[in-house]
Amino acid sequence: MPRGSNAKRERQYEHIKDSAKKQGKSTGRAEEIAARTVNKERARAGESRTASRSSLQDMSSSKRGGQRSHSGSGGPTRDQLYNEARRRNVQGRSKMNKAQLATALGH
């Protein structure tokens, strides 16, 4: 974390880093994502000396993430489709991808 950051930003950084690592990102990439996100939030809150135009005019990281998480479901997962196909005894299901399973099941 940069000098001058407070405890809230430290917690935010760790939370974002842990979340990115759980999503399968490498440690370095997780740290980069966390640092960029926290730095943008610091700039938006006026906690940094300088701020880019995009940091101030773009939508906040938390709002963007919220829009992504609530943009709607991608439907059932491949595993859920596969289990339904197994219950219905669909032939050739083990070699099908998600789209093929959905088509075979009439989804």
PDB file of N, CA and C in Angstrom:
ATOM      1  N   MET A   1       0.836  -1.195   0.000  1.00  0.00           N
ATOM      2  CA  MET A   1       0.000   0.000   0.000  1.00  0.00           C
ATOM      3  C   MET A   1       0.871   1.245   0.000  1.00  0.00           C
ATOM      4  N   PRO A   2       0.394   2.303  -0.626  1.00  0.00           N
ATOM      5  CA  PRO A   2       1.165   3.535  -0.657  1.00  0.00           C
ATOM      6  C   PRO A   2       1.237   4.200   0.707  1.00  0.00           C
ATOM      7  N   ARG A   3       2.271   5.018   0.872  1.00  0.00           N
ATOM      8  CA  ARG A   3       2.378   5.772   2.126  1.00  0.00           C
ATOM      9  C   ARG A   3       1.181   6.695   2.266  1.00  0.00           C
ATOM     10  N   GLY A   4       0.753   6.908   3.488  1.00  0.00           N
ATOM     11  CA  GLY A   4      -0.350   7.822   3.726  1.00  0.00           C
ATOM     12  C   GLY A   4      -1.717   7.162   3.658  1.00  0.00           C
ATOM     13  N   SER A   5      -1.749   5.863   3.401  1.00  0.00           N
ATOM     14  CA  SER A   5      -3.056   5.205   3.355  1.00  0.00           C
ATOM     15  C   SER A   5      -3.519   4.920   4.775  1.00  0.00           C
ATOM     16  N   ASN A   6      -4.810   4.815   4.941  1.00  0.00           N
ATOM     17  CA  ASN A   6      -5.347   4.594   6.276  1.00  0.00           C
ATOM     18  C   ASN A   6      -5.770   3.139   6.459  1.00  0.00           C
ATOM     19  N   ALA A   7      -6.242   2.815   7.642  1.00  0.00           N
ATOM     20  CA  ALA A   7      -6.597   1.434   7.960  1.00  0.00           C
ATOM     21  C   ALA A   7      -7.728   0.917   7.071  1.00  0.00           C
ATOM     22  N   LYS A   8      -8.679   1.783   6.745  1.00  0.00           N
ATOM     23  CA  LYS A   8      -9.787   1.367   5.883  1.00  0.00           C
ATOM     24  C   LYS A   8      -9.271   0.922   4.520  1.00  0.00           C
ATOM     25  N   ARG A   9      -8.359   1.707   3.958  1.00  0.00           N
ATOM     26  CA  ARG A   9      -7.820   1.363   2.638  1.00  0.00           C
ATOM     27  C   ARG A   9      -6.971   0.101   2.710  1.00  0.00           C
ATOM     28  N   GLU A  10      -6.273  -0.116   3.817  1.00  0.00           N
ATOM     29  CA  GLU A  10      -5.496  -1.348   3.994  1.00  0.00           C
ATOM     30  C   GLU A  10      -6.434  -2.563   3.974  1.00  0.00           C
ATOM     31  N   ARG A  11      -7.553  -2.463   4.703  1.00  0.00           N
ATOM     32  CA  ARG A  11      -8.520  -3.566   4.735  1.00  0.00           C
ATOM     33  C   ARG A  11      -9.124  -3.783   3.351  1.00  0.00           C
ATOM     34  N   GLN A  12      -9.437  -2.686   2.678  1.00  0.00           N
ATOM     35  CA  GLN A  12     -10.010  -2.772   1.338  1.00  0.00           C
ATOM     36  C   GLN A  12      -9.030  -3.464   0.386  1.00  0.00           C
ATOM     37  N   TYR A  13      -7.772  -3.096   0.461  1.00  0.00           N
ATOM     38  CA  TYR A  13      -6.731  -3.688  -0.379  1.00  0.00           C
ATOM     39  C   TYR A  13      -6.653  -5.196  -0.142  1.00  0.00           C
ATOM     40  N   GLU A  14      -6.593  -5.600   1.117  1.00  0.00           N
ATOM     41  CA  GLU A  14      -6.485  -7.026   1.450  1.00  0.00           C
ATOM     42  C   GLU A  14      -7.721  -7.790   0.980  1.00  0.00           C
ATOM     43  N   HIS A  15      -8.890  -7.195   1.164  1.00  0.00           N
ATOM     44  CA  HIS A  15     -10.128  -7.853   0.755  1.00  0.00           C
ATOM     45  C   HIS A  15     -10.158  -8.065  -0.764  1.00  0.00           C
ATOM     46  N   ILE A  16      -9.801  -7.046  -1.516  1.00  0.00           N
ATOM     47  CA  ILE A  16      -9.805  -7.145  -2.978  1.00  0.00           C
ATOM     48  C   ILE A  16      -8.757  -8.145  -3.434  1.00  0.00           C
ATOM     49  N   LYS A  17      -7.579  -8.119  -2.818  1.00  0.00           N
ATOM     50  CA  LYS A  17      -6.510  -9.045  -3.183  1.00  0.00           C
ATOM     51  C   LYS A  17      -6.936 -10.494  -2.915  1.00  0.00           C
ATOM     52  N   ASP A  18      -7.518 -10.755  -1.747  1.00  0.00           N
ATOM     53  CA  ASP A  18      -7.973 -12.107  -1.419  1.00  0.00           C
ATOM     54  C   ASP A  18      -9.060 -12.575  -2.380  1.00  0.00           C
ATOM     55  N   SER A  19      -9.960 -11.673  -2.710  1.00  0.00           N
ATOM     56  CA  SER A  19     -11.048 -12.008  -3.626  1.00  0.00           C
ATOM     57  C   SER A  19     -10.499 -12.372  -5.011  1.00  0.00           C
ATOM     58  N   ALA A  20      -9.541 -11.609  -5.491  1.00  0.00           N
ATOM     59  CA  ALA A  20      -8.947 -11.884  -6.808  1.00  0.00           C
ATOM     60  C   ALA A  20      -8.205 -13.217  -6.798  1.00  0.00           C
ATOM     61  N   LYS A  21      -7.523 -13.514  -5.690  1.00  0.00           N
ATOM     62  CA  LYS A  21      -6.808 -14.787  -5.600  1.00  0.00           C
ATOM     63  C   LYS A  21      -7.781 -15.957  -5.594  1.00  0.00           C
ATOM     64  N   LYS A  22      -8.940 -15.782  -4.943  1.00  0.00           N
ATOM     65  CA  LYS A  22      -9.948 -16.844  -4.923  1.00  0.00           C
ATOM     66  C   LYS A  22     -10.519 -17.079  -6.323  1.00  0.00           C
ATOM     67  N   GLN A  23     -10.492 -16.045  -7.151  1.00  0.00           N
ATOM     68  CA  GLN A  23     -10.978 -16.168  -8.523  1.00  0.00           C
ATOM     69  C   GLN A  23      -9.933 -16.800  -9.438  1.00  0.00           C
ATOM     70  N   GLY A  24      -8.779 -17.157  -8.879  1.00  0.00           N
ATOM     71  CA  GLY A  24      -7.760 -17.848  -9.656  1.00  0.00           C
ATOM     72  C   GLY A  24      -6.673 -16.957 -10.217  1.00  0.00           C
ATOM     73  N   LYS A  25      -6.651 -15.692  -9.854  1.00  0.00           N
ATOM     74  CA  LYS A  25      -5.602 -14.790 -10.338  1.00  0.00           C
ATOM     75  C   LYS A  25      -4.293 -15.102  -9.601  1.00  0.00           C
ATOM     76  N   SER A  26      -3.167 -14.839 -10.237  1.00  0.00           N
ATOM     77  CA  SER A  26      -1.876 -15.017  -9.584  1.00  0.00           C
ATOM     78  C   SER A  26      -1.718 -13.959  -8.491  1.00  0.00           C
ATOM     79  N   THR A  27      -0.785 -14.192  -7.585  1.00  0.00           N
ATOM     80  CA  THR A  27      -0.574 -13.245  -6.492  1.00  0.00           C
ATOM     81  C   THR A  27      -0.217 -11.862  -7.023  1.00  0.00           C
ATOM     82  N   GLY A  28       0.669 -11.798  -8.002  1.00  0.00           N
ATOM     83  CA  GLY A  28       1.061 -10.509  -8.576  1.00  0.00           C
ATOM     84  C   GLY A  28      -0.101  -9.777  -9.225  1.00  0.00           C
ATOM     85  N   ARG A  29      -0.906 -10.515  -9.979  1.00  0.00           N
ATOM     86  CA  ARG A  29      -2.051  -9.896 -10.646  1.00  0.00           C
ATOM     87  C   ARG A  29      -3.085  -9.449  -9.614  1.00  0.00           C
ATOM     88  N   ALA A  30      -3.295 -10.248  -8.570  1.00  0.00           N
ATOM     89  CA  ALA A  30      -4.240  -9.887  -7.513  1.00  0.00           C
ATOM     90  C   ALA A  30      -3.793  -8.614  -6.805  1.00  0.00           C
ATOM     91  N   GLU A  31      -2.499  -8.493  -6.544  1.00  0.00           N
ATOM     92  CA  GLU A  31      -1.970  -7.292  -5.901  1.00  0.00           C
ATOM     93  C   GLU A  31      -2.146  -6.077  -6.802  1.00  0.00           C
ATOM     94  N   GLU A  32      -1.925  -6.265  -8.104  1.00  0.00           N
ATOM     95  CA  GLU A  32      -2.074  -5.152  -9.049  1.00  0.00           C
ATOM     96  C   GLU A  32      -3.525  -4.679  -9.110  1.00  0.00           C
ATOM     97  N   ILE A  33      -4.450  -5.609  -9.185  1.00  0.00           N
ATOM     98  CA  ILE A  33      -5.871  -5.254  -9.227  1.00  0.00           C
ATOM     99  C   ILE A  33      -6.265  -4.508  -7.961  1.00  0.00           C
ATOM    100  N   ALA A  34      -5.828  -5.021  -6.813  1.00  0.00           N
ATOM    101  CA  ALA A  34      -6.168  -4.397  -5.533  1.00  0.00           C
ATOM    102  C   ALA A  34      -5.580  -2.992  -5.442  1.00  0.00           C
ATOM    103  N   ALA A  35      -4.324  -2.834  -5.825  1.00  0.00           N
ATOM    104  CA  ALA A  35      -3.677  -1.528  -5.729  1.00  0.00           C
ATOM    105  C   ALA A  35      -4.351  -0.514  -6.649  1.00  0.00           C
ATOM    106  N   ARG A  36      -4.652  -0.916  -7.873  1.00  0.00           N
ATOM    107  CA  ARG A  36      -5.295   0.006  -8.813  1.00  0.00           C
ATOM    108  C   ARG A  36      -6.682   0.417  -8.319  1.00  0.00           C
ATOM    109  N   THR A  37      -7.426  -0.541  -7.796  1.00  0.00           N
ATOM    110  CA  THR A  37      -8.771  -0.240  -7.307  1.00  0.00           C
ATOM    111  C   THR A  37      -8.724   0.706  -6.119  1.00  0.00           C
ATOM    112  N   VAL A  38      -7.843   0.411  -5.154  1.00  0.00           N
ATOM    113  CA  VAL A  38      -7.744   1.255  -3.958  1.00  0.00           C
ATOM    114  C   VAL A  38      -7.237   2.643  -4.325  1.00  0.00           C
ATOM    115  N   ASN A  39      -6.261   2.728  -5.214  1.00  0.00           N
ATOM    116  CA  ASN A  39      -5.747   4.033  -5.620  1.00  0.00           C
ATOM    117  C   ASN A  39      -6.835   4.870  -6.307  1.00  0.00           C
ATOM    118  N   LYS A  40      -7.672   4.220  -7.109  1.00  0.00           N
ATOM    119  CA  LYS A  40      -8.757   4.946  -7.766  1.00  0.00           C
ATOM    120  C   LYS A  40      -9.759   5.450  -6.728  1.00  0.00           C
ATOM    121  N   GLU A  41     -10.088   4.613  -5.756  1.00  0.00           N
ATOM    122  CA  GLU A  41     -11.025   5.033  -4.708  1.00  0.00           C
ATOM    123  C   GLU A  41     -10.431   6.172  -3.872  1.00  0.00           C
ATOM    124  N   ARG A  42      -9.131   6.109  -3.608  1.00  0.00           N
ATOM    125  CA  ARG A  42      -8.479   7.182  -2.864  1.00  0.00           C
ATOM    126  C   ARG A  42      -8.549   8.481  -3.642  1.00  0.00           C
ATOM    127  N   ALA A  43      -8.332   8.415  -4.957  1.00  0.00           N
ATOM    128  CA  ALA A  43      -8.383   9.622  -5.794  1.00  0.00           C
ATOM    129  C   ALA A  43      -9.800  10.191  -5.812  1.00  0.00           C
ATOM    130  N   ARG A  44     -10.789   9.338  -5.914  1.00  0.00           N
ATOM    131  CA  ARG A  44     -12.179   9.797  -5.945  1.00  0.00           C
ATOM    132  C   ARG A  44     -12.577  10.456  -4.634  1.00  0.00           C
ATOM    133  N   ALA A  45     -12.007   9.974  -3.525  1.00  0.00           N
ATOM    134  CA  ALA A  45     -12.341  10.514  -2.203  1.00  0.00           C
ATOM    135  C   ALA A  45     -11.477  11.714  -1.836  1.00  0.00           C
ATOM    136  N   GLY A  46     -10.550  12.092  -2.709  1.00  0.00           N
ATOM    137  CA  GLY A  46      -9.689  13.240  -2.434  1.00  0.00           C
ATOM    138  C   GLY A  46      -8.573  12.935  -1.457  1.00  0.00           C
ATOM    139  N   GLU A  47      -8.200  11.668  -1.330  1.00  0.00           N
ATOM    140  CA  GLU A  47      -7.166  11.256  -0.387  1.00  0.00           C
ATOM    141  C   GLU A  47      -5.774  11.209  -1.004  1.00  0.00           C
ATOM    142  N   SER A  48      -5.661  11.497  -2.294  1.00  0.00           N
ATOM    143  CA  SER A  48      -4.348  11.474  -2.937  1.00  0.00           C
ATOM    144  C   SER A  48      -4.019  12.860  -3.487  1.00  0.00           C
ATOM    145  N   ARG A  49      -2.739  13.108  -3.676  1.00  0.00           N
ATOM    146  CA  ARG A  49      -2.320  14.422  -4.171  1.00  0.00           C
ATOM    147  C   ARG A  49      -2.722  14.654  -5.616  1.00  0.00           C
ATOM    148  N   THR A  50      -2.623  13.599  -6.434  1.00  0.00           N
ATOM    149  CA  THR A  50      -2.966  13.731  -7.841  1.00  0.00           C
ATOM    150  C   THR A  50      -4.027  12.697  -8.200  1.00  0.00           C
ATOM    151  N   ALA A  51      -4.782  13.004  -9.225  1.00  0.00           N
ATOM    152  CA  ALA A  51      -5.802  12.072  -9.681  1.00  0.00           C
ATOM    153  C   ALA A  51      -5.975  12.234 -11.180  1.00  0.00           C
ATOM    154  N   SER A  52      -6.092  11.123 -11.883  1.00  0.00           N
ATOM    155  CA  SER A  52      -6.308  11.192 -13.326  1.00  0.00           C
ATOM    156  C   SER A  52      -7.756  11.589 -13.612  1.00  0.00           C
ATOM    157  N   ARG A  53      -7.976  12.079 -14.795  1.00  0.00           N
ATOM    158  CA  ARG A  53      -9.327  12.481 -15.177  1.00  0.00           C
ATOM    159  C   ARG A  53     -10.268  11.285 -15.145  1.00  0.00           C
ATOM    160  N   SER A  54      -9.775  10.126 -15.606  1.00  0.00           N
ATOM    161  CA  SER A  54     -10.650   8.949 -15.633  1.00  0.00           C
ATOM    162  C   SER A  54     -11.004   8.478 -14.222  1.00  0.00           C
ATOM    163  N   SER A  55     -10.103   8.684 -13.265  1.00  0.00           N
ATOM    164  CA  SER A  55     -10.410   8.297 -11.887  1.00  0.00           C
ATOM    165  C   SER A  55     -11.554   9.125 -11.337  1.00  0.00           C
ATOM    166  N   LEU A  56     -11.622  10.388 -11.744  1.00  0.00           N
ATOM    167  CA  LEU A  56     -12.640  11.276 -11.205  1.00  0.00           C
ATOM    168  C   LEU A  56     -13.950  11.235 -12.002  1.00  0.00           C
ATOM    169  N   GLN A  57     -13.878  11.008 -13.314  1.00  0.00           N
ATOM    170  CA  GLN A  57     -15.078  11.090 -14.136  1.00  0.00           C
ATOM    171  C   GLN A  57     -15.725   9.735 -14.410  1.00  0.00           C
ATOM    172  N   ASP A  58     -14.947   8.680 -14.371  1.00  0.00           N
ATOM    173  CA  ASP A  58     -15.463   7.346 -14.623  1.00  0.00           C
ATOM    174  C   ASP A  58     -16.311   6.893 -13.442  1.00  0.00           C
ATOM    175  N   MET A  59     -17.159   5.884 -13.640  1.00  0.00           N
ATOM    176  CA  MET A  59     -17.949   5.390 -12.515  1.00  0.00           C
ATOM    177  C   MET A  59     -17.028   4.675 -11.527  1.00  0.00           C
ATOM    178  N   SER A  60     -17.435   4.636 -10.279  1.00  0.00           N
ATOM    179  CA  SER A  60     -16.587   4.058  -9.247  1.00  0.00           C
ATOM    180  C   SER A  60     -16.441   2.555  -9.448  1.00  0.00           C
ATOM    181  N   SER A  61     -15.352   2.018  -8.924  1.00  0.00           N
ATOM    182  CA  SER A  61     -15.076   0.592  -9.064  1.00  0.00           C
ATOM    183  C   SER A  61     -16.152  -0.241  -8.396  1.00  0.00           C
ATOM    184  N   SER A  62     -16.623   0.217  -7.246  1.00  0.00           N
ATOM    185  CA  SER A  62     -17.637  -0.559  -6.521  1.00  0.00           C
ATOM    186  C   SER A  62     -18.957  -0.579  -7.291  1.00  0.00           C
ATOM    187  N   LYS A  63     -19.299   0.522  -7.928  1.00  0.00           N
ATOM    188  CA  LYS A  63     -20.535   0.554  -8.715  1.00  0.00           C
ATOM    189  C   LYS A  63     -20.416  -0.346  -9.944  1.00  0.00           C
ATOM    190  N   ARG A  64     -19.269  -0.298 -10.602  1.00  0.00           N
ATOM    191  CA  ARG A  64     -19.066  -1.125 -11.788  1.00  0.00           C
ATOM    192  C   ARG A  64     -19.134  -2.604 -11.421  1.00  0.00           C
ATOM    193  N   GLY A  65     -18.486  -2.973 -10.321  1.00  0.00           N
ATOM    194  CA  GLY A  65     -18.529  -4.366  -9.877  1.00  0.00           C
ATOM    195  C   GLY A  65     -19.932  -4.799  -9.534  1.00  0.00           C
ATOM    196  N   GLY A  66     -20.686  -3.910  -8.923  1.00  0.00           N
ATOM    197  CA  GLY A  66     -22.068  -4.224  -8.591  1.00  0.00           C
ATOM    198  C   GLY A  66     -22.905  -4.445  -9.830  1.00  0.00           C
ATOM    199  N   GLN A  67     -22.649  -3.667 -10.871  1.00  0.00           N
ATOM    200  CA  GLN A  67     -23.401  -3.845 -12.106  1.00  0.00           C
ATOM    201  C   GLN A  67     -23.055  -5.172 -12.756  1.00  0.00           C
ATOM    202  N   ARG A  68     -21.808  -5.568 -12.670  1.00  0.00           N
ATOM    203  CA  ARG A  68     -21.422  -6.847 -13.256  1.00  0.00           C
ATOM    204  C   ARG A  68     -22.077  -8.003 -12.513  1.00  0.00           C
ATOM    205  N   SER A  69     -22.106  -7.906 -11.191  1.00  0.00           N
ATOM    206  CA  SER A  69     -22.618  -9.037 -10.430  1.00  0.00           C
ATOM    207  C   SER A  69     -24.129  -9.145 -10.510  1.00  0.00           C
ATOM    208  N   HIS A  70     -24.817  -8.061 -10.886  1.00  0.00           N
ATOM    209  CA  HIS A  70     -26.271  -8.092 -10.945  1.00  0.00           C
ATOM    210  C   HIS A  70     -26.801  -8.002 -12.372  1.00  0.00           C
ATOM    211  N   SER A  71     -25.931  -8.217 -13.335  1.00  0.00           N
ATOM    212  CA  SER A  71     -26.353  -8.062 -14.723  1.00  0.00           C
ATOM    213  C   SER A  71     -27.177  -9.245 -15.206  1.00  0.00           C
ATOM    214  N   GLY A  72     -27.332 -10.242 -14.403  1.00  0.00           N
ATOM    215  CA  GLY A  72     -28.149 -11.392 -14.778  1.00  0.00           C
ATOM    216  C   GLY A  72     -27.339 -12.657 -14.812  1.00  0.00           C
ATOM    217  N   SER A  73     -28.027 -13.720 -14.672  1.00  0.00           N
ATOM    218  CA  SER A  73     -27.387 -15.024 -14.625  1.00  0.00           C
ATOM    219  C   SER A  73     -27.104 -15.519 -16.029  1.00  0.00           C
ATOM    220  N   GLY A  74     -26.090 -16.300 -16.153  1.00  0.00           N
ATOM    221  CA  GLY A  74     -25.775 -16.915 -17.436  1.00  0.00           C
ATOM    222  C   GLY A  74     -26.538 -18.212 -17.612  1.00  0.00           C
ATOM    223  N   GLY A  75     -27.551 -18.420 -16.808  1.00  0.00           N
ATOM    224  CA  GLY A  75     -28.327 -19.650 -16.869  1.00  0.00           C
ATOM    225  C   GLY A  75     -27.667 -20.735 -16.043  1.00  0.00           C
ATOM    226  N   PRO A  76     -28.148 -21.956 -16.179  1.00  0.00           N
ATOM    227  CA  PRO A  76     -27.576 -23.045 -15.397  1.00  0.00           C
ATOM    228  C   PRO A  76     -26.137 -23.342 -15.834  1.00  0.00           C
ATOM    229  N   THR A  77     -25.362 -23.854 -14.923  1.00  0.00           N
ATOM    230  CA  THR A  77     -23.979 -24.200 -15.240  1.00  0.00           C
ATOM    231  C   THR A  77     -23.942 -25.473 -16.076  1.00  0.00           C
ATOM    232  N   ARG A  78     -22.789 -25.759 -16.636  1.00  0.00           N
ATOM    233  CA  ARG A  78     -22.644 -26.971 -17.431  1.00  0.00           C
ATOM    234  C   ARG A  78     -22.898 -28.193 -16.564  1.00  0.00           C
ATOM    235  N   ASP A  79     -22.399 -28.164 -15.320  1.00  0.00           N
ATOM    236  CA  ASP A  79     -22.600 -29.301 -14.421  1.00  0.00           C
ATOM    237  C   ASP A  79     -24.084 -29.516 -14.122  1.00  0.00           C
ATOM    238  N   GLN A  80     -24.824 -28.418 -13.937  1.00  0.00           N
ATOM    239  CA  GLN A  80     -26.255 -28.559 -13.689  1.00  0.00           C
ATOM    240  C   GLN A  80     -26.962 -29.139 -14.914  1.00  0.00           C
ATOM    241  N   LEU A  81     -26.587 -28.675 -16.095  1.00  0.00           N
ATOM    242  CA  LEU A  81     -27.163 -29.218 -17.324  1.00  0.00           C
ATOM    243  C   LEU A  81     -26.798 -30.693 -17.489  1.00  0.00           C
ATOM    244  N   TYR A  82     -25.556 -31.015 -17.182  1.00  0.00           N
ATOM    245  CA  TYR A  82     -25.106 -32.403 -17.312  1.00  0.00           C
ATOM    246  C   TYR A  82     -25.902 -33.317 -16.379  1.00  0.00           C
ATOM    247  N   ASN A  83     -26.107 -32.876 -15.139  1.00  0.00           N
ATOM    248  CA  ASN A  83     -26.863 -33.693 -14.184  1.00  0.00           C
ATOM    249  C   ASN A  83     -28.307 -33.891 -14.641  1.00  0.00           C
ATOM    250  N   GLU A  84     -28.889 -32.851 -15.210  1.00  0.00           N
ATOM    251  CA  GLU A  84     -30.246 -32.987 -15.737  1.00  0.00           C
ATOM    252  C   GLU A  84     -30.263 -33.948 -16.917  1.00  0.00           C
ATOM    253  N   ALA A  85     -29.242 -33.862 -17.786  1.00  0.00           N
ATOM    254  CA  ALA A  85     -29.150 -34.765 -18.930  1.00  0.00           C
ATOM    255  C   ALA A  85     -28.987 -36.208 -18.461  1.00  0.00           C
ATOM    256  N   ARG A  86     -28.243 -36.398 -17.395  1.00  0.00           N
ATOM    257  CA  ARG A  86     -28.064 -37.749 -16.853  1.00  0.00           C
ATOM    258  C   ARG A  86     -29.399 -38.286 -16.331  1.00  0.00           C
ATOM    259  N   ARG A  87     -30.161 -37.414 -15.642  1.00  0.00           N
ATOM    260  CA  ARG A  87     -31.478 -37.836 -15.136  1.00  0.00           C
ATOM    261  C   ARG A  87     -32.419 -38.213 -16.285  1.00  0.00           C
ATOM    262  N   ARG A  88     -32.302 -37.474 -17.411  1.00  0.00           N
ATOM    263  CA  ARG A  88     -33.159 -37.738 -18.574  1.00  0.00           C
ATOM    264  C   ARG A  88     -32.572 -38.786 -19.512  1.00  0.00           C
ATOM    265  N   ASN A  89     -31.395 -39.293 -19.165  1.00  0.00           N
ATOM    266  CA  ASN A  89     -30.712 -40.328 -19.937  1.00  0.00           C
ATOM    267  C   ASN A  89     -30.425 -39.892 -21.378  1.00  0.00           C
ATOM    268  N   VAL A  90     -29.887 -38.674 -21.529  1.00  0.00           N
ATOM    269  CA  VAL A  90     -29.507 -38.148 -22.850  1.00  0.00           C
ATOM    270  C   VAL A  90     -28.230 -38.853 -23.295  1.00  0.00           C
ATOM    271  N   GLN A  91     -28.246 -39.403 -24.488  1.00  0.00           N
ATOM    272  CA  GLN A  91     -27.093 -40.127 -25.014  1.00  0.00           C
ATOM    273  C   GLN A  91     -25.989 -39.162 -25.468  1.00  0.00           C
ATOM    274  N   GLY A  92     -24.738 -39.486 -25.220  1.00  0.00           N
ATOM    275  CA  GLY A  92     -23.597 -38.686 -25.645  1.00  0.00           C
ATOM    276  C   GLY A  92     -23.355 -37.450 -24.797  1.00  0.00           C
ATOM    277  N   ARG A  93     -23.976 -37.380 -23.625  1.00  0.00           N
ATOM    278  CA  ARG A  93     -23.891 -36.169 -22.786  1.00  0.00           C
ATOM    279  C   ARG A  93     -22.475 -35.889 -22.284  1.00  0.00           C
ATOM    280  N   SER A  94     -21.667 -36.918 -22.097  1.00  0.00           N
ATOM    281  CA  SER A  94     -20.332 -36.699 -21.525  1.00  0.00           C
ATOM    282  C   SER A  94     -19.414 -35.932 -22.470  1.00  0.00           C
ATOM    283  N   LYS A  95     -19.711 -35.984 -23.771  1.00  0.00           N
ATOM    284  CA  LYS A  95     -18.863 -35.285 -24.746  1.00  0.00           C
ATOM    285  C   LYS A  95     -19.435 -33.937 -25.156  1.00  0.00           C
ATOM    286  N   MET A  96     -20.570 -33.547 -24.585  1.00  0.00           N
ATOM    287  CA  MET A  96     -21.215 -32.295 -24.960  1.00  0.00           C
ATOM    288  C   MET A  96     -20.700 -31.118 -24.142  1.00  0.00           C
ATOM    289  N   ASN A  97     -20.653 -29.953 -24.785  1.00  0.00           N
ATOM    290  CA  ASN A  97     -20.335 -28.730 -24.053  1.00  0.00           C
ATOM    291  C   ASN A  97     -21.636 -28.134 -23.523  1.00  0.00           C
ATOM    292  N   LYS A  98     -21.540 -26.990 -22.858  1.00  0.00           N
ATOM    293  CA  LYS A  98     -22.708 -26.386 -22.227  1.00  0.00           C
ATOM    294  C   LYS A  98     -23.806 -26.077 -23.249  1.00  0.00           C
ATOM    295  N   ALA A  99     -23.441 -25.484 -24.372  1.00  0.00           N
ATOM    296  CA  ALA A  99     -24.432 -25.120 -25.389  1.00  0.00           C
ATOM    297  C   ALA A  99     -25.115 -26.356 -25.958  1.00  0.00           C
ATOM    298  N   GLN A 100     -24.347 -27.415 -26.193  1.00  0.00           N
ATOM    299  CA  GLN A 100     -24.922 -28.647 -26.738  1.00  0.00           C
ATOM    300  C   GLN A 100     -25.870 -29.295 -25.729  1.00  0.00           C
ATOM    301  N   LEU A 101     -25.489 -29.284 -24.459  1.00  0.00           N
ATOM    302  CA  LEU A 101     -26.359 -29.831 -23.419  1.00  0.00           C
ATOM    303  C   LEU A 101     -27.664 -29.049 -23.342  1.00  0.00           C
ATOM    304  N   ALA A 102     -27.563 -27.704 -23.389  1.00  0.00           N
ATOM    305  CA  ALA A 102     -28.760 -26.875 -23.330  1.00  0.00           C
ATOM    306  C   ALA A 102     -29.685 -27.169 -24.505  1.00  0.00           C
ATOM    307  N   THR A 103     -29.117 -27.343 -25.692  1.00  0.00           N
ATOM    308  CA  THR A 103     -29.920 -27.647 -26.873  1.00  0.00           C
ATOM    309  C   THR A 103     -30.587 -29.014 -26.741  1.00  0.00           C
ATOM    310  N   ALA A 104     -29.846 -30.003 -26.277  1.00  0.00           N
ATOM    311  CA  ALA A 104     -30.384 -31.354 -26.125  1.00  0.00           C
ATOM    312  C   ALA A 104     -31.507 -31.395 -25.097  1.00  0.00           C
ATOM    313  N   LEU A 105     -31.423 -30.525 -24.104  1.00  0.00           N
ATOM    314  CA  LEU A 105     -32.444 -30.482 -23.061  1.00  0.00           C
ATOM    315  C   LEU A 105     -33.597 -29.536 -23.392  1.00  0.00           C
ATOM    316  N   GLY A 106     -33.451 -28.769 -24.470  1.00  0.00           N
ATOM    317  CA  GLY A 106     -34.492 -27.833 -24.870  1.00  0.00           C
ATOM    318  C   GLY A 106     -34.508 -26.552 -24.047  1.00  0.00           C
ATOM    319  N   HIS A 107     -33.354 -26.136 -23.557  1.00  0.00           N
ATOM    320  CA  HIS A 107     -33.267 -24.884 -22.757  1.00  0.00           C
ATOM    321  C   HIS A 107     -33.079 -23.691 -23.650  1.00  0.00           C
TER     322      HIS A 107
END
